[in-house]
Amino acid sequence: MIPKKHLSSIYGVKRGDMLIMVEIFEVLQQNSAKINAEFGACTVSTNVGGYQTTKHMHWHVRYGEKIR
C-alpha cells in the first residue's frame, strides 16, 4: 500500500501528514482483517533505510509461510 503523497519513509512523516497516516492505517486495518479472516494470519511491515529498495514509504501485507 502506497500513499499518494510522496513520503520517503516513515521518518519523513510530519505532523501535517497525520490524516494520510490515518487513511493508510484504515486501509491496512481493512485489508489485514480480510487476509487474516481468509488465511488465518498475516504480517504488516514497512522498510527503512538500506532495507528500502523503493525510496517511497509503502507497506506490505503478507500471508503464507511464517516470515523470519
Protein backbone atom coordinates (compact mmCIF):
# COMPACT_ATOMS: atom_id res chain seq x y z
CA MET A 1 0.00 0.00 0.00
CA ILE A 2 1.45 3.30 -1.12
CA PRO A 3 0.26 6.78 -0.09
CA LYS A 4 -0.49 9.15 -2.98
CA LYS A 5 1.70 11.86 -1.42
CA HIS A 6 5.42 11.15 -1.68
CA LEU A 7 6.87 10.32 1.73
CA SER A 8 10.41 8.96 1.56
CA SER A 9 10.00 6.72 4.62
CA ILE A 10 8.31 6.60 8.00
CA TYR A 11 10.99 9.11 9.09
CA GLY A 12 9.63 11.57 6.54
CA VAL A 13 6.18 11.75 8.14
CA LYS A 14 5.37 15.20 9.56
CA ARG A 15 2.55 16.34 11.83
CA GLY A 16 0.72 17.65 8.74
CA ASP A 17 0.75 14.12 7.27
CA MET A 18 -1.31 12.61 10.08
CA LEU A 19 -4.52 12.45 8.01
CA ILE A 20 -2.62 10.49 5.36
CA MET A 21 -1.36 8.13 8.05
CA VAL A 22 -4.89 7.65 9.41
CA GLU A 23 -6.07 6.75 5.89
CA ILE A 24 -3.14 4.34 5.45
CA PHE A 25 -3.89 2.61 8.74
CA GLU A 26 -7.60 2.37 7.93
CA VAL A 27 -6.76 0.61 4.64
CA LEU A 28 -4.14 -1.58 6.35
CA GLN A 29 -6.67 -2.50 9.03
CA GLN A 30 -9.35 -3.42 6.49
CA ASN A 31 -7.01 -5.43 4.28
CA SER A 32 -5.17 -7.23 7.08
CA ALA A 33 -8.51 -8.17 8.71
CA LYS A 34 -9.72 -9.60 5.39
CA ILE A 35 -6.48 -11.55 4.81
CA ASN A 36 -6.44 -12.77 8.42
CA ALA A 37 -10.04 -13.99 8.13
CA GLU A 38 -9.28 -15.81 4.90
CA PHE A 39 -5.83 -17.23 5.66
CA GLY A 40 -5.60 -17.21 9.47
CA ALA A 41 -2.66 -14.80 9.80
CA CYS A 42 -0.69 -12.05 8.09
CA THR A 43 2.27 -9.74 8.56
CA VAL A 44 2.19 -5.97 8.03
CA SER A 45 5.57 -4.30 7.50
CA THR A 46 7.43 -1.31 6.11
CA ASN A 47 11.14 -0.91 5.43
CA VAL A 48 13.52 1.94 6.33
CA GLY A 49 17.00 2.94 5.19
CA GLY A 50 19.10 0.36 3.37
CA TYR A 51 16.26 -2.20 3.57
CA GLN A 52 14.13 0.15 1.49
CA THR A 53 14.64 -0.66 -2.20
CA THR A 54 11.79 1.68 -3.22
CA LYS A 55 12.51 5.12 -1.74
CA HIS A 56 8.85 5.83 -1.09
CA MET A 57 7.07 4.83 2.10
CA HIS A 58 4.94 1.78 1.45
CA TRP A 59 3.52 -1.13 3.40
CA HIS A 60 3.48 -4.86 2.74
CA VAL A 61 0.67 -7.17 3.85
CA ARG A 62 1.84 -10.77 3.53
CA TYR A 63 0.41 -14.15 4.32
CA GLY A 64 1.60 -17.71 3.87
CA GLU A 65 4.66 -19.33 5.37
CA LYS A 66 5.83 -17.52 8.52
CA ILE A 67 8.47 -14.93 7.61
CA ARG A 68 11.58 -14.95 9.77
